[in-house]
PDB file of N, CA and C in Angstrom:
ATOM      1  N   MET A   1      -5.850   5.548  20.049  1.00  0.00           N
ATOM      2  CA  MET A   1      -6.067   6.440  18.920  1.00  0.00           C
ATOM      3  C   MET A   1      -5.405   5.845  17.679  1.00  0.00           C
ATOM      4  N   GLU A   2      -6.034   5.953  16.565  1.00  0.00           N
ATOM      5  CA  GLU A   2      -5.562   5.415  15.306  1.00  0.00           C
ATOM      6  C   GLU A   2      -4.493   6.320  14.710  1.00  0.00           C
ATOM      7  N   SER A   3      -3.425   5.720  14.205  1.00  0.00           N
ATOM      8  CA  SER A   3      -2.336   6.453  13.560  1.00  0.00           C
ATOM      9  C   SER A   3      -2.445   6.240  12.062  1.00  0.00           C
ATOM     10  N   LEU A   4      -3.254   7.050  11.401  1.00  0.00           N
ATOM     11  CA  LEU A   4      -3.517   6.879   9.972  1.00  0.00           C
ATOM     12  C   LEU A   4      -2.695   7.874   9.174  1.00  0.00           C
ATOM     13  N   ASP A   5      -1.903   7.346   8.253  1.00  0.00           N
ATOM     14  CA  ASP A   5      -1.103   8.173   7.352  1.00  0.00           C
ATOM     15  C   ASP A   5      -1.520   7.851   5.928  1.00  0.00           C
ATOM     16  N   PHE A   6      -1.029   8.629   5.002  1.00  0.00           N
ATOM     17  CA  PHE A   6      -1.311   8.396   3.598  1.00  0.00           C
ATOM     18  C   PHE A   6      -0.011   8.248   2.840  1.00  0.00           C
ATOM     19  N   ALA A   7       0.023   7.297   1.913  1.00  0.00           N
ATOM     20  CA  ALA A   7       1.215   7.052   1.109  1.00  0.00           C
ATOM     21  C   ALA A   7       0.846   7.104  -0.361  1.00  0.00           C
ATOM     22  N   ALA A   8       1.633   7.837  -1.138  1.00  0.00           N
ATOM     23  CA  ALA A   8       1.437   7.884  -2.588  1.00  0.00           C
ATOM     24  C   ALA A   8       2.248   6.749  -3.201  1.00  0.00           C
ATOM     25  N   VAL A   9       1.580   5.903  -3.983  1.00  0.00           N
ATOM     26  CA  VAL A   9       2.240   4.775  -4.640  1.00  0.00           C
ATOM     27  C   VAL A   9       1.805   4.744  -6.099  1.00  0.00           C
ATOM     28  N   GLN A  10       2.588   4.055  -6.915  1.00  0.00           N
ATOM     29  CA  GLN A  10       2.251   3.915  -8.331  1.00  0.00           C
ATOM     30  C   GLN A  10       1.599   2.558  -8.546  1.00  0.00           C
ATOM     31  N   CYS A  11       0.434   2.552  -9.162  1.00  0.00           N
ATOM     32  CA  CYS A  11      -0.270   1.311  -9.450  1.00  0.00           C
ATOM     33  C   CYS A  11       0.581   0.461 -10.391  1.00  0.00           C
ATOM     34  N   PRO A  12       0.824  -0.808 -10.040  1.00  0.00           N
ATOM     35  CA  PRO A  12       1.635  -1.668 -10.904  1.00  0.00           C
ATOM     36  C   PRO A  12       0.914  -2.108 -12.179  1.00  0.00           C
ATOM     37  N   TYR A  13      -0.365  -1.800 -12.309  1.00  0.00           N
ATOM     38  CA  TYR A  13      -1.131  -2.134 -13.514  1.00  0.00           C
ATOM     39  C   TYR A  13      -1.211  -0.942 -14.478  1.00  0.00           C
ATOM     40  N   CYS A  14      -1.792   0.156 -14.017  1.00  0.00           N
ATOM     41  CA  CYS A  14      -2.048   1.286 -14.914  1.00  0.00           C
ATOM     42  C   CYS A  14      -0.991   2.384 -14.827  1.00  0.00           C
ATOM     43  N   GLY A  15      -0.134   2.349 -13.792  1.00  0.00           N
ATOM     44  CA  GLY A  15       0.936   3.330 -13.669  1.00  0.00           C
ATOM     45  C   GLY A  15       0.537   4.646 -13.027  1.00  0.00           C
ATOM     46  N   GLU A  16      -0.747   4.807 -12.716  1.00  0.00           N
ATOM     47  CA  GLU A  16      -1.200   6.052 -12.088  1.00  0.00           C
ATOM     48  C   GLU A  16      -0.742   6.117 -10.625  1.00  0.00           C
ATOM     49  N   THR A  17      -0.467   7.314 -10.146  1.00  0.00           N
ATOM     50  CA  THR A  17      -0.138   7.510  -8.742  1.00  0.00           C
ATOM     51  C   THR A  17      -1.443   7.579  -7.961  1.00  0.00           C
ATOM     52  N   ILE A  18      -1.543   6.748  -6.934  1.00  0.00           N
ATOM     53  CA  ILE A  18      -2.740   6.732  -6.091  1.00  0.00           C
ATOM     54  C   ILE A  18      -2.310   6.915  -4.643  1.00  0.00           C
ATOM     55  N   GLU A  19      -3.236   7.292  -3.800  1.00  0.00           N
ATOM     56  CA  GLU A  19      -2.957   7.504  -2.390  1.00  0.00           C
ATOM     57  C   GLU A  19      -3.640   6.419  -1.573  1.00  0.00           C
ATOM     58  N   LEU A  20      -2.866   5.749  -0.717  1.00  0.00           N
ATOM     59  CA  LEU A  20      -3.394   4.697   0.147  1.00  0.00           C
ATOM     60  C   LEU A  20      -3.381   5.168   1.589  1.00  0.00           C
ATOM     61  N   ALA A  21      -4.438   4.848   2.328  1.00  0.00           N
ATOM     62  CA  ALA A  21      -4.464   5.097   3.767  1.00  0.00           C
ATOM     63  C   ALA A  21      -3.700   3.964   4.439  1.00  0.00           C
ATOM     64  N   VAL A  22      -2.754   4.317   5.310  1.00  0.00           N
ATOM     65  CA  VAL A  22      -1.886   3.337   5.957  1.00  0.00           C
ATOM     66  C   VAL A  22      -1.980   3.509   7.468  1.00  0.00           C
ATOM     67  N   ASP A  23      -2.233   2.398   8.176  1.00  0.00           N
ATOM     68  CA  ASP A  23      -2.294   2.410   9.642  1.00  0.00           C
ATOM     69  C   ASP A  23      -1.101   1.642  10.192  1.00  0.00           C
ATOM     70  N   ALA A  24       0.001   2.341  10.439  1.00  0.00           N
ATOM     71  CA  ALA A  24       1.231   1.705  10.922  1.00  0.00           C
ATOM     72  C   ALA A  24       1.097   1.212  12.359  1.00  0.00           C
ATOM     73  N   SER A  25       0.100   1.674  13.095  1.00  0.00           N
ATOM     74  CA  SER A  25      -0.070   1.235  14.486  1.00  0.00           C
ATOM     75  C   SER A  25      -0.489  -0.233  14.562  1.00  0.00           C
ATOM     76  N   ALA A  26      -0.932  -0.806  13.448  1.00  0.00           N
ATOM     77  CA  ALA A  26      -1.349  -2.207  13.416  1.00  0.00           C
ATOM     78  C   ALA A  26      -0.179  -3.148  13.132  1.00  0.00           C
ATOM     79  N   GLY A  27       1.033  -2.614  12.992  1.00  0.00           N
ATOM     80  CA  GLY A  27       2.206  -3.451  12.739  1.00  0.00           C
ATOM     81  C   GLY A  27       2.346  -3.800  11.273  1.00  0.00           C
ATOM     82  N   GLU A  28       3.235  -4.752  11.000  1.00  0.00           N
ATOM     83  CA  GLU A  28       3.471  -5.160   9.619  1.00  0.00           C
ATOM     84  C   GLU A  28       2.213  -5.798   9.042  1.00  0.00           C
ATOM     85  N   GLN A  29       1.949  -5.504   7.769  1.00  0.00           N
ATOM     86  CA  GLN A  29       0.703  -5.956   7.153  1.00  0.00           C
ATOM     87  C   GLN A  29       0.935  -6.350   5.698  1.00  0.00           C
ATOM     88  N   ARG A  30       0.114  -7.270   5.229  1.00  0.00           N
ATOM     89  CA  ARG A  30       0.052  -7.629   3.812  1.00  0.00           C
ATOM     90  C   ARG A  30      -1.436  -7.758   3.489  1.00  0.00           C
ATOM     91  N   TYR A  31      -1.898  -7.001   2.503  1.00  0.00           N
ATOM     92  CA  TYR A  31      -3.317  -7.039   2.152  1.00  0.00           C
ATOM     93  C   TYR A  31      -3.508  -6.643   0.704  1.00  0.00           C
ATOM     94  N   ILE A  32      -4.712  -6.842   0.201  1.00  0.00           N
ATOM     95  CA  ILE A  32      -5.074  -6.495  -1.172  1.00  0.00           C
ATOM     96  C   ILE A  32      -5.975  -5.267  -1.138  1.00  0.00           C
ATOM     97  N   GLU A  33      -5.656  -4.298  -1.998  1.00  0.00           N
ATOM     98  CA  GLU A  33      -6.488  -3.100  -2.130  1.00  0.00           C
ATOM     99  C   GLU A  33      -6.649  -2.808  -3.613  1.00  0.00           C
ATOM    100  N   ASP A  34      -7.858  -2.471  -4.025  1.00  0.00           N
ATOM    101  CA  ASP A  34      -8.111  -2.167  -5.434  1.00  0.00           C
ATOM    102  C   ASP A  34      -7.603  -0.775  -5.781  1.00  0.00           C
ATOM    103  N   CYS A  35      -7.017  -0.653  -6.973  1.00  0.00           N
ATOM    104  CA  CYS A  35      -6.579   0.651  -7.477  1.00  0.00           C
ATOM    105  C   CYS A  35      -7.815   1.535  -7.654  1.00  0.00           C
ATOM    106  N   SER A  36      -7.726   2.773  -7.201  1.00  0.00           N
ATOM    107  CA  SER A  36      -8.862   3.690  -7.320  1.00  0.00           C
ATOM    108  C   SER A  36      -9.048   4.200  -8.746  1.00  0.00           C
ATOM    109  N   VAL A  37      -8.092   3.926  -9.630  1.00  0.00           N
ATOM    110  CA  VAL A  37      -8.201   4.361 -11.028  1.00  0.00           C
ATOM    111  C   VAL A  37      -8.674   3.215 -11.923  1.00  0.00           C
ATOM    112  N   CYS A  38      -7.937   2.078 -11.902  1.00  0.00           N
ATOM    113  CA  CYS A  38      -8.265   0.984 -12.825  1.00  0.00           C
ATOM    114  C   CYS A  38      -8.994  -0.184 -12.151  1.00  0.00           C
ATOM    115  N   CYS A  39      -9.149  -0.130 -10.837  1.00  0.00           N
ATOM    116  CA  CYS A  39      -9.897  -1.127 -10.055  1.00  0.00           C
ATOM    117  C   CYS A  39      -9.250  -2.507 -10.001  1.00  0.00           C
ATOM    118  N   LYS A  40      -8.000  -2.650 -10.420  1.00  0.00           N
ATOM    119  CA  LYS A  40      -7.329  -3.947 -10.341  1.00  0.00           C
ATOM    120  C   LYS A  40      -6.782  -4.151  -8.925  1.00  0.00           C
ATOM    121  N   PRO A  41      -6.667  -5.420  -8.490  1.00  0.00           N
ATOM    122  CA  PRO A  41      -6.222  -5.709  -7.121  1.00  0.00           C
ATOM    123  C   PRO A  41      -4.710  -5.567  -6.964  1.00  0.00           C
ATOM    124  N   ILE A  42      -4.307  -4.731  -6.016  1.00  0.00           N
ATOM    125  CA  ILE A  42      -2.889  -4.482  -5.740  1.00  0.00           C
ATOM    126  C   ILE A  42      -2.537  -5.139  -4.410  1.00  0.00           C
ATOM    127  N   GLU A  43      -1.424  -5.882  -4.394  1.00  0.00           N
ATOM    128  CA  GLU A  43      -0.933  -6.449  -3.138  1.00  0.00           C
ATOM    129  C   GLU A  43      -0.081  -5.385  -2.454  1.00  0.00           C
ATOM    130  N   VAL A  44      -0.456  -5.039  -1.225  1.00  0.00           N
ATOM    131  CA  VAL A  44       0.230  -4.005  -0.452  1.00  0.00           C
ATOM    132  C   VAL A  44       0.987  -4.677   0.687  1.00  0.00           C
ATOM    133  N   LEU A  45       2.253  -4.309   0.851  1.00  0.00           N
ATOM    134  CA  LEU A  45       3.070  -4.829   1.943  1.00  0.00           C
ATOM    135  C   LEU A  45       3.605  -3.641   2.729  1.00  0.00           C
ATOM    136  N   LEU A  46       3.272  -3.587   4.013  1.00  0.00           N
ATOM    137  CA  LEU A  46       3.748  -2.544   4.916  1.00  0.00           C
ATOM    138  C   LEU A  46       4.675  -3.219   5.916  1.00  0.00           C
ATOM    139  N   PHE A  47       5.928  -2.750   6.008  1.00  0.00           N
ATOM    140  CA  PHE A  47       6.886  -3.404   6.894  1.00  0.00           C
ATOM    141  C   PHE A  47       7.858  -2.386   7.478  1.00  0.00           C
ATOM    142  N   ALA A  48       8.442  -2.752   8.611  1.00  0.00           N
ATOM    143  CA  ALA A  48       9.424  -1.907   9.279  1.00  0.00           C
ATOM    144  C   ALA A  48      10.795  -2.180   8.688  1.00  0.00           C
ATOM    145  N   ASP A  49      11.513  -1.126   8.372  1.00  0.00           N
ATOM    146  CA  ASP A  49      12.868  -1.215   7.835  1.00  0.00           C
ATOM    147  C   ASP A  49      13.742  -0.347   8.724  1.00  0.00           C
ATOM    148  N   GLY A  50      14.371  -0.987   9.732  1.00  0.00           N
ATOM    149  CA  GLY A  50      15.091  -0.203  10.736  1.00  0.00           C
ATOM    150  C   GLY A  50      14.061   0.543  11.563  1.00  0.00           C
ATOM    151  N   GLY A  51      14.160   1.849  11.647  1.00  0.00           N
ATOM    152  CA  GLY A  51      13.193   2.652  12.392  1.00  0.00           C
ATOM    153  C   GLY A  51      12.108   3.250  11.525  1.00  0.00           C
ATOM    154  N   ASP A  52      12.162   2.981  10.217  1.00  0.00           N
ATOM    155  CA  ASP A  52      11.209   3.572   9.278  1.00  0.00           C
ATOM    156  C   ASP A  52      10.234   2.526   8.773  1.00  0.00           C
ATOM    157  N   TRP A  53       9.053   2.991   8.393  1.00  0.00           N
ATOM    158  CA  TRP A  53       8.058   2.120   7.767  1.00  0.00           C
ATOM    159  C   TRP A  53       8.204   2.249   6.267  1.00  0.00           C
ATOM    160  N   ARG A  54       8.086   1.140   5.576  1.00  0.00           N
ATOM    161  CA  ARG A  54       8.157   1.106   4.118  1.00  0.00           C
ATOM    162  C   ARG A  54       6.879   0.467   3.581  1.00  0.00           C
ATOM    163  N   ILE A  55       6.500   0.894   2.391  1.00  0.00           N
ATOM    164  CA  ILE A  55       5.338   0.313   1.739  1.00  0.00           C
ATOM    165  C   ILE A  55       5.747  -0.074   0.324  1.00  0.00           C
ATOM    166  N   THR A  56       5.391  -1.281  -0.073  1.00  0.00           N
ATOM    167  CA  THR A  56       5.628  -1.721  -1.447  1.00  0.00           C
ATOM    168  C   THR A  56       4.306  -2.234  -2.006  1.00  0.00           C
ATOM    169  N   VAL A  57       4.182  -2.119  -3.316  1.00  0.00           N
ATOM    170  CA  VAL A  57       2.977  -2.619  -3.986  1.00  0.00           C
ATOM    171  C   VAL A  57       3.398  -3.508  -5.140  1.00  0.00           C
ATOM    172  N   ALA A  58       2.577  -4.497  -5.436  1.00  0.00           N
ATOM    173  CA  ALA A  58       2.854  -5.422  -6.538  1.00  0.00           C
ATOM    174  C   ALA A  58       1.533  -5.871  -7.155  1.00  0.00           C
ATOM    175  N   ARG A  59       1.635  -6.381  -8.369  1.00  0.00           N
ATOM    176  CA  ARG A  59       0.461  -6.950  -9.020  1.00  0.00           C
ATOM    177  C   ARG A  59       0.014  -8.166  -8.233  1.00  0.00           C
ATOM    178  N   ASP A  60      -1.268  -8.384  -8.141  1.00  0.00           N
ATOM    179  CA  ASP A  60      -1.798  -9.539  -7.428  1.00  0.00           C
ATOM    180  C   ASP A  60      -1.650 -10.815  -8.257  1.00  0.00           C
ATOM    181  N   ASP A  61      -1.401 -10.683  -9.559  1.00  0.00           N
ATOM    182  CA  ASP A  61      -1.293 -11.855 -10.431  1.00  0.00           C
ATOM    183  C   ASP A  61       0.151 -12.292 -10.671  1.00  0.00           C
ATOM    184  N   ASP A  62       1.120 -11.694  -9.986  1.00  0.00           N
ATOM    185  CA  ASP A  62       2.531 -12.101 -10.124  1.00  0.00           C
ATOM    186  C   ASP A  62       2.813 -13.367  -9.360  1.00  0.00           C
TER     187      ASP A  62
END
């Protein structure tokens, strides 16, 4: 069964808060997802920090 959660993050381009679907059952991940507001590519990093999952976002052009 898929473990799908949602995370609210701030787009590093336009500053709008967007919601990303996150599947922590797939382990640590790094991928590109377009902002649903400004359509720019956001680099998403999902990683384990102790017993908790963390998500960070960055501009794809950094």
